[in-house]
PDB file of N, CA and C in Angstrom:
ATOM      1  N   MET A   1     -22.370 -17.802   1.260  1.00  0.00           N
ATOM      2  CA  MET A   1     -20.994 -17.760   1.746  1.00  0.00           C
ATOM      3  C   MET A   1     -20.066 -18.270   0.640  1.00  0.00           C
ATOM      4  N   THR A   2     -18.938 -17.600   0.486  1.00  0.00           N
ATOM      5  CA  THR A   2     -17.987 -17.953  -0.547  1.00  0.00           C
ATOM      6  C   THR A   2     -17.179 -19.179  -0.133  1.00  0.00           C
ATOM      7  N   ASP A   3     -16.912 -20.047  -1.087  1.00  0.00           N
ATOM      8  CA  ASP A   3     -16.103 -21.239  -0.829  1.00  0.00           C
ATOM      9  C   ASP A   3     -14.657 -20.817  -0.572  1.00  0.00           C
ATOM     10  N   THR A   4     -14.122 -21.135   0.602  1.00  0.00           N
ATOM     11  CA  THR A   4     -12.759 -20.718   0.947  1.00  0.00           C
ATOM     12  C   THR A   4     -11.707 -21.393   0.075  1.00  0.00           C
ATOM     13  N   LYS A   5     -12.016 -22.523  -0.527  1.00  0.00           N
ATOM     14  CA  LYS A   5     -11.035 -23.197  -1.379  1.00  0.00           C
ATOM     15  C   LYS A   5     -10.791 -22.416  -2.667  1.00  0.00           C
ATOM     16  N   SER A   6     -11.770 -21.580  -3.087  1.00  0.00           N
ATOM     17  CA  SER A   6     -11.586 -20.791  -4.299  1.00  0.00           C
ATOM     18  C   SER A   6     -10.874 -19.473  -4.002  1.00  0.00           C
ATOM     19  N   GLN A   7     -10.699 -19.156  -2.714  1.00  0.00           N
ATOM     20  CA  GLN A   7      -9.994 -17.945  -2.316  1.00  0.00           C
ATOM     21  C   GLN A   7      -8.625 -18.322  -1.752  1.00  0.00           C
ATOM     22  N   LEU A   8      -7.601 -17.937  -2.439  1.00  0.00           N
ATOM     23  CA  LEU A   8      -6.247 -18.214  -1.958  1.00  0.00           C
ATOM     24  C   LEU A   8      -5.701 -16.926  -1.335  1.00  0.00           C
ATOM     25  N   LEU A   9      -6.238 -16.594  -0.153  1.00  0.00           N
ATOM     26  CA  LEU A   9      -5.916 -15.336   0.508  1.00  0.00           C
ATOM     27  C   LEU A   9      -4.455 -15.262   0.951  1.00  0.00           C
ATOM     28  N   HIS A  10      -3.878 -14.064   0.778  1.00  0.00           N
ATOM     29  CA  HIS A  10      -2.490 -13.800   1.158  1.00  0.00           C
ATOM     30  C   HIS A  10      -2.418 -12.464   1.879  1.00  0.00           C
ATOM     31  N   LEU A  11      -1.643 -12.417   2.957  1.00  0.00           N
ATOM     32  CA  LEU A  11      -1.417 -11.200   3.731  1.00  0.00           C
ATOM     33  C   LEU A  11      -0.024 -10.669   3.413  1.00  0.00           C
ATOM     34  N   VAL A  12       0.065  -9.357   3.200  1.00  0.00           N
ATOM     35  CA  VAL A  12       1.359  -8.703   2.991  1.00  0.00           C
ATOM     36  C   VAL A  12       1.559  -7.724   4.147  1.00  0.00           C
ATOM     37  N   PHE A  13       2.681  -7.873   4.835  1.00  0.00           N
ATOM     38  CA  PHE A  13       2.999  -6.975   5.935  1.00  0.00           C
ATOM     39  C   PHE A  13       4.509  -6.853   6.067  1.00  0.00           C
ATOM     40  N   GLY A  14       4.937  -5.863   6.822  1.00  0.00           N
ATOM     41  CA  GLY A  14       6.368  -5.700   7.019  1.00  0.00           C
ATOM     42  C   GLY A  14       6.670  -4.756   8.151  1.00  0.00           C
ATOM     43  N   GLY A  15       7.953  -4.576   8.366  1.00  0.00           N
ATOM     44  CA  GLY A  15       8.410  -3.681   9.409  1.00  0.00           C
ATOM     45  C   GLY A  15       9.917  -3.731   9.506  1.00  0.00           C
ATOM     46  N   GLU A  16      10.415  -2.933  10.413  1.00  0.00           N
ATOM     47  CA  GLU A  16      11.864  -2.871  10.602  1.00  0.00           C
ATOM     48  C   GLU A  16      12.316  -3.987  11.536  1.00  0.00           C
ATOM     49  N   LEU A  17      13.328  -4.719  11.104  1.00  0.00           N
ATOM     50  CA  LEU A  17      13.859  -5.832  11.887  1.00  0.00           C
ATOM     51  C   LEU A  17      14.957  -5.369  12.835  1.00  0.00           C
ATOM     52  N   GLU A  18      15.103  -6.075  13.954  1.00  0.00           N
ATOM     53  CA  GLU A  18      16.193  -5.782  14.888  1.00  0.00           C
ATOM     54  C   GLU A  18      17.544  -6.110  14.270  1.00  0.00           C
ATOM     55  N   ASP A  19      17.582  -7.198  13.491  1.00  0.00           N
ATOM     56  CA  ASP A  19      18.827  -7.698  12.902  1.00  0.00           C
ATOM     57  C   ASP A  19      18.511  -8.179  11.490  1.00  0.00           C
ATOM     58  N   ILE A  20      19.336  -7.849  10.536  1.00  0.00           N
ATOM     59  CA  ILE A  20      19.037  -8.226   9.154  1.00  0.00           C
ATOM     60  C   ILE A  20      19.083  -9.738   8.919  1.00  0.00           C
ATOM     61  N   ASP A  21      19.669 -10.477   9.843  1.00  0.00           N
ATOM     62  CA  ASP A  21      19.735 -11.931   9.704  1.00  0.00           C
ATOM     63  C   ASP A  21      18.579 -12.649  10.393  1.00  0.00           C
ATOM     64  N   GLY A  22      17.683 -11.903  11.034  1.00  0.00           N
ATOM     65  CA  GLY A  22      16.583 -12.528  11.774  1.00  0.00           C
ATOM     66  C   GLY A  22      15.226 -12.072  11.276  1.00  0.00           C
ATOM     67  N   VAL A  23      14.215 -12.454  12.010  1.00  0.00           N
ATOM     68  CA  VAL A  23      12.847 -12.031  11.683  1.00  0.00           C
ATOM     69  C   VAL A  23      12.140 -11.491  12.927  1.00  0.00           C
ATOM     70  N   THR A  24      12.909 -10.888  13.830  1.00  0.00           N
ATOM     71  CA  THR A  24      12.337 -10.249  15.011  1.00  0.00           C
ATOM     72  C   THR A  24      12.185  -8.762  14.708  1.00  0.00           C
ATOM     73  N   PHE A  25      10.944  -8.279  14.829  1.00  0.00           N
ATOM     74  CA  PHE A  25      10.684  -6.883  14.515  1.00  0.00           C
ATOM     75  C   PHE A  25      11.118  -5.964  15.646  1.00  0.00           C
ATOM     76  N   LYS A  26      11.628  -4.807  15.274  1.00  0.00           N
ATOM     77  CA  LYS A  26      12.106  -3.816  16.226  1.00  0.00           C
ATOM     78  C   LYS A  26      10.967  -3.264  17.080  1.00  0.00           C
ATOM     79  N   ASP A  27       9.815  -2.960  16.458  1.00  0.00           N
ATOM     80  CA  ASP A  27       8.685  -2.368  17.167  1.00  0.00           C
ATOM     81  C   ASP A  27       7.383  -2.895  16.565  1.00  0.00           C
ATOM     82  N   LEU A  28       6.718  -3.782  17.279  1.00  0.00           N
ATOM     83  CA  LEU A  28       5.481  -4.393  16.764  1.00  0.00           C
ATOM     84  C   LEU A  28       4.378  -3.363  16.529  1.00  0.00           C
ATOM     85  N   ASP A  29       4.414  -2.262  17.272  1.00  0.00           N
ATOM     86  CA  ASP A  29       3.410  -1.209  17.071  1.00  0.00           C
ATOM     87  C   ASP A  29       3.586  -0.488  15.741  1.00  0.00           C
ATOM     88  N   GLN A  30       4.741  -0.651  15.130  1.00  0.00           N
ATOM     89  CA  GLN A  30       5.031   0.025  13.866  1.00  0.00           C
ATOM     90  C   GLN A  30       4.921  -0.898  12.644  1.00  0.00           C
ATOM     91  N   LEU A  31       4.380  -2.105  12.816  1.00  0.00           N
ATOM     92  CA  LEU A  31       4.218  -2.998  11.665  1.00  0.00           C
ATOM     93  C   LEU A  31       3.332  -2.347  10.612  1.00  0.00           C
ATOM     94  N   ASP A  32       3.693  -2.542   9.373  1.00  0.00           N
ATOM     95  CA  ASP A  32       2.933  -2.012   8.238  1.00  0.00           C
ATOM     96  C   ASP A  32       2.104  -3.149   7.653  1.00  0.00           C
ATOM     97  N   ILE A  33       0.804  -3.130   7.919  1.00  0.00           N
ATOM     98  CA  ILE A  33      -0.100  -4.128   7.341  1.00  0.00           C
ATOM     99  C   ILE A  33      -0.535  -3.582   5.986  1.00  0.00           C
ATOM    100  N   VAL A  34       0.039  -4.114   4.919  1.00  0.00           N
ATOM    101  CA  VAL A  34      -0.222  -3.614   3.576  1.00  0.00           C
ATOM    102  C   VAL A  34      -1.622  -4.010   3.135  1.00  0.00           C
ATOM    103  N   GLY A  35      -1.990  -5.280   3.350  1.00  0.00           N
ATOM    104  CA  GLY A  35      -3.335  -5.715   2.988  1.00  0.00           C
ATOM    105  C   GLY A  35      -3.450  -7.205   2.817  1.00  0.00           C
ATOM    106  N   ILE A  36      -4.682  -7.622   2.550  1.00  0.00           N
ATOM    107  CA  ILE A  36      -4.997  -9.023   2.258  1.00  0.00           C
ATOM    108  C   ILE A  36      -5.427  -9.089   0.806  1.00  0.00           C
ATOM    109  N   TYR A  37      -4.873 -10.051   0.076  1.00  0.00           N
ATOM    110  CA  TYR A  37      -5.073 -10.133  -1.368  1.00  0.00           C
ATOM    111  C   TYR A  37      -5.673 -11.482  -1.749  1.00  0.00           C
ATOM    112  N   PRO A  38      -6.439 -11.515  -2.853  1.00  0.00           N
ATOM    113  CA  PRO A  38      -7.178 -12.720  -3.230  1.00  0.00           C
ATOM    114  C   PRO A  38      -6.338 -13.816  -3.880  1.00  0.00           C
ATOM    115  N   ASN A  39      -5.094 -13.501  -4.225  1.00  0.00           N
ATOM    116  CA  ASN A  39      -4.241 -14.509  -4.864  1.00  0.00           C
ATOM    117  C   ASN A  39      -2.774 -14.100  -4.701  1.00  0.00           C
ATOM    118  N   TYR A  40      -1.895 -15.031  -5.008  1.00  0.00           N
ATOM    119  CA  TYR A  40      -0.472 -14.788  -4.827  1.00  0.00           C
ATOM    120  C   TYR A  40       0.046 -13.687  -5.748  1.00  0.00           C
ATOM    121  N   ALA A  41      -0.440 -13.634  -6.966  1.00  0.00           N
ATOM    122  CA  ALA A  41       0.052 -12.632  -7.920  1.00  0.00           C
ATOM    123  C   ALA A  41      -0.206 -11.211  -7.410  1.00  0.00           C
ATOM    124  N   ALA A  42      -1.394 -10.956  -6.892  1.00  0.00           N
ATOM    125  CA  ALA A  42      -1.723  -9.628  -6.358  1.00  0.00           C
ATOM    126  C   ALA A  42      -0.886  -9.332  -5.113  1.00  0.00           C
ATOM    127  N   ALA A  43      -0.712 -10.329  -4.258  1.00  0.00           N
ATOM    128  CA  ALA A  43       0.093 -10.155  -3.051  1.00  0.00           C
ATOM    129  C   ALA A  43       1.551  -9.886  -3.408  1.00  0.00           C
ATOM    130  N   HIS A  44       2.063 -10.603  -4.376  1.00  0.00           N
ATOM    131  CA  HIS A  44       3.448 -10.422  -4.802  1.00  0.00           C
ATOM    132  C   HIS A  44       3.663  -9.017  -5.354  1.00  0.00           C
ATOM    133  N   ALA A  45       2.712  -8.516  -6.122  1.00  0.00           N
ATOM    134  CA  ALA A  45       2.820  -7.163  -6.674  1.00  0.00           C
ATOM    135  C   ALA A  45       2.850  -6.129  -5.544  1.00  0.00           C
ATOM    136  N   ALA A  46       2.001  -6.299  -4.530  1.00  0.00           N
ATOM    137  CA  ALA A  46       1.976  -5.383  -3.390  1.00  0.00           C
ATOM    138  C   ALA A  46       3.279  -5.484  -2.598  1.00  0.00           C
ATOM    139  N   TRP A  47       3.756  -6.709  -2.376  1.00  0.00           N
ATOM    140  CA  TRP A  47       5.016  -6.926  -1.663  1.00  0.00           C
ATOM    141  C   TRP A  47       6.168  -6.245  -2.407  1.00  0.00           C
ATOM    142  N   LYS A  48       6.242  -6.439  -3.704  1.00  0.00           N
ATOM    143  CA  LYS A  48       7.326  -5.880  -4.507  1.00  0.00           C
ATOM    144  C   LYS A  48       7.317  -4.351  -4.460  1.00  0.00           C
ATOM    145  N   SER A  49       6.148  -3.775  -4.536  1.00  0.00           N
ATOM    146  CA  SER A  49       6.020  -2.318  -4.482  1.00  0.00           C
ATOM    147  C   SER A  49       6.520  -1.773  -3.148  1.00  0.00           C
ATOM    148  N   LYS A  50       6.088  -2.376  -2.037  1.00  0.00           N
ATOM    149  CA  LYS A  50       6.522  -1.919  -0.716  1.00  0.00           C
ATOM    150  C   LYS A  50       8.012  -2.171  -0.513  1.00  0.00           C
ATOM    151  N   ALA A  51       8.507  -3.298  -0.960  1.00  0.00           N
ATOM    152  CA  ALA A  51       9.933  -3.609  -0.813  1.00  0.00           C
ATOM    153  C   ALA A  51      10.778  -2.593  -1.583  1.00  0.00           C
ATOM    154  N   GLN A  52      10.337  -2.198  -2.766  1.00  0.00           N
ATOM    155  CA  GLN A  52      11.088  -1.224  -3.557  1.00  0.00           C
ATOM    156  C   GLN A  52      11.059   0.161  -2.919  1.00  0.00           C
ATOM    157  N   GLN A  53       9.954   0.478  -2.239  1.00  0.00           N
ATOM    158  CA  GLN A  53       9.842   1.787  -1.580  1.00  0.00           C
ATOM    159  C   GLN A  53      10.789   1.911  -0.389  1.00  0.00           C
ATOM    160  N   THR A  54      11.178   0.784   0.187  1.00  0.00           N
ATOM    161  CA  THR A  54      12.010   0.799   1.396  1.00  0.00           C
ATOM    162  C   THR A  54      13.405   0.233   1.149  1.00  0.00           C
ATOM    163  N   VAL A  55      13.828   0.216  -0.080  1.00  0.00           N
ATOM    164  CA  VAL A  55      15.107  -0.415  -0.448  1.00  0.00           C
ATOM    165  C   VAL A  55      16.307   0.247   0.245  1.00  0.00           C
ATOM    166  N   ASP A  56      16.184   1.504   0.622  1.00  0.00           N
ATOM    167  CA  ASP A  56      17.306   2.200   1.273  1.00  0.00           C
ATOM    168  C   ASP A  56      17.485   1.830   2.736  1.00  0.00           C
ATOM    169  N   ASN A  57      16.519   1.129   3.317  1.00  0.00           N
ATOM    170  CA  ASN A  57      16.608   0.716   4.719  1.00  0.00           C
ATOM    171  C   ASN A  57      16.840  -0.795   4.760  1.00  0.00           C
ATOM    172  N   ALA A  58      18.071  -1.213   5.032  1.00  0.00           N
ATOM    173  CA  ALA A  58      18.417  -2.638   5.020  1.00  0.00           C
ATOM    174  C   ALA A  58      17.668  -3.440   6.078  1.00  0.00           C
ATOM    175  N   HIS A  59      17.175  -2.791   7.114  1.00  0.00           N
ATOM    176  CA  HIS A  59      16.467  -3.493   8.185  1.00  0.00           C
ATOM    177  C   HIS A  59      14.968  -3.648   7.913  1.00  0.00           C
ATOM    178  N   MET A  60      14.458  -2.980   6.895  1.00  0.00           N
ATOM    179  CA  MET A  60      13.035  -3.055   6.586  1.00  0.00           C
ATOM    180  C   MET A  60      12.763  -4.271   5.702  1.00  0.00           C
ATOM    181  N   ARG A  61      11.791  -5.104   6.108  1.00  0.00           N
ATOM    182  CA  ARG A  61      11.442  -6.301   5.344  1.00  0.00           C
ATOM    183  C   ARG A  61       9.926  -6.437   5.241  1.00  0.00           C
ATOM    184  N   TYR A  62       9.500  -6.899   4.101  1.00  0.00           N
ATOM    185  CA  TYR A  62       8.085  -7.211   3.874  1.00  0.00           C
ATOM    186  C   TYR A  62       7.959  -8.701   3.583  1.00  0.00           C
ATOM    187  N   PHE A  63       6.820  -9.254   3.974  1.00  0.00           N
ATOM    188  CA  PHE A  63       6.574 -10.686   3.858  1.00  0.00           C
ATOM    189  C   PHE A  63       5.203 -10.946   3.239  1.00  0.00           C
ATOM    190  N   VAL A  64       5.086 -12.092   2.573  1.00  0.00           N
ATOM    191  CA  VAL A  64       3.798 -12.586   2.079  1.00  0.00           C
ATOM    192  C   VAL A  64       3.464 -13.830   2.905  1.00  0.00           C
ATOM    193  N   VAL A  65       2.302 -13.817   3.540  1.00  0.00           N
ATOM    194  CA  VAL A  65       1.839 -14.951   4.341  1.00  0.00           C
ATOM    195  C   VAL A  65       0.687 -15.611   3.594  1.00  0.00           C
ATOM    196  N   HIS A  66       0.787 -16.905   3.402  1.00  0.00           N
ATOM    197  CA  HIS A  66      -0.252 -17.673   2.709  1.00  0.00           C
ATOM    198  C   HIS A  66      -1.384 -17.987   3.687  1.00  0.00           C
ATOM    199  N   LEU A  67      -2.316 -17.051   3.825  1.00  0.00           N
ATOM    200  CA  LEU A  67      -3.408 -17.237   4.789  1.00  0.00           C
ATOM    201  C   LEU A  67      -4.259 -18.457   4.476  1.00  0.00           C
ATOM    202  N   HIS A  68      -4.425 -18.770   3.193  1.00  0.00           N
ATOM    203  CA  HIS A  68      -5.263 -19.909   2.820  1.00  0.00           C
ATOM    204  C   HIS A  68      -4.700 -21.216   3.376  1.00  0.00           C
ATOM    205  N   ARG A  69      -3.394 -21.278   3.550  1.00  0.00           N
ATOM    206  CA  ARG A  69      -2.793 -22.487   4.137  1.00  0.00           C
ATOM    207  C   ARG A  69      -3.088 -22.581   5.627  1.00  0.00           C
ATOM    208  N   LEU A  70      -3.185 -21.445   6.292  1.00  0.00           N
ATOM    209  CA  LEU A  70      -3.512 -21.435   7.714  1.00  0.00           C
ATOM    210  C   LEU A  70      -4.992 -21.747   7.938  1.00  0.00           C
ATOM    211  N   LEU A  71      -5.830 -21.287   7.020  1.00  0.00           N
ATOM    212  CA  LEU A  71      -7.274 -21.510   7.136  1.00  0.00           C
ATOM    213  C   LEU A  71      -7.660 -22.951   6.835  1.00  0.00           C
ATOM    214  N   ASP A  72      -6.909 -23.591   5.939  1.00  0.00           N
ATOM    215  CA  ASP A  72      -7.207 -24.972   5.549  1.00  0.00           C
ATOM    216  C   ASP A  72      -5.896 -25.741   5.416  1.00  0.00           C
ATOM    217  N   PRO A  73      -5.259 -26.080   6.553  1.00  0.00           N
ATOM    218  CA  PRO A  73      -3.937 -26.718   6.505  1.00  0.00           C
ATOM    219  C   PRO A  73      -3.911 -28.090   5.846  1.00  0.00           C
ATOM    220  N   GLU A  74      -5.061 -28.742   5.721  1.00  0.00           N
ATOM    221  CA  GLU A  74      -5.091 -30.063   5.118  1.00  0.00           C
ATOM    222  C   GLU A  74      -5.082 -30.006   3.597  1.00  0.00           C
ATOM    223  N   SER A  75      -5.342 -28.841   3.035  1.00  0.00           N
ATOM    224  CA  SER A  75      -5.286 -28.715   1.574  1.00  0.00           C
ATOM    225  C   SER A  75      -3.816 -28.720   1.160  1.00  0.00           C
ATOM    226  N   GLY A  76      -3.550 -28.902  -0.104  1.00  0.00           N
ATOM    227  CA  GLY A  76      -2.167 -28.974  -0.573  1.00  0.00           C
ATOM    228  C   GLY A  76      -1.358 -27.767  -0.197  1.00  0.00           C
ATOM    229  N   SER A  77      -0.212 -27.969   0.394  1.00  0.00           N
ATOM    230  CA  SER A  77       0.616 -26.849   0.854  1.00  0.00           C
ATOM    231  C   SER A  77       1.391 -26.208  -0.286  1.00  0.00           C
ATOM    232  N   ASN A  78       1.357 -26.776  -1.478  1.00  0.00           N
ATOM    233  CA  ASN A  78       2.086 -26.211  -2.600  1.00  0.00           C
ATOM    234  C   ASN A  78       1.225 -25.316  -3.479  1.00  0.00           C
ATOM    235  N   ALA A  79      -0.057 -25.161  -3.156  1.00  0.00           N
ATOM    236  CA  ALA A  79      -0.950 -24.335  -3.960  1.00  0.00           C
ATOM    237  C   ALA A  79      -0.539 -22.884  -3.855  1.00  0.00           C
ATOM    238  N   ARG A  80      -0.617 -22.170  -4.961  1.00  0.00           N
ATOM    239  CA  ARG A  80      -0.354 -20.725  -4.967  1.00  0.00           C
ATOM    240  C   ARG A  80      -1.628 -20.086  -5.383  1.00  0.00           C
TER     241      ARG A  80
END
């Protein structure tokens, strides 16, 4: 089994928001799960690519979630 501390997993996902000032999605069934990445750099590259593809839709937003922080909340929260 791989040591989870050596894997800094990140999830990239997005969707259309109800309001550009919030984070409530218009339709949860339409969320775009881009993928899970082994480090922040790979996740950031995927996020940037998807964000650029949807730049014409002001309501579309993509996010990077630090899964490693959820899996091991006692580890340093500033790790990337």
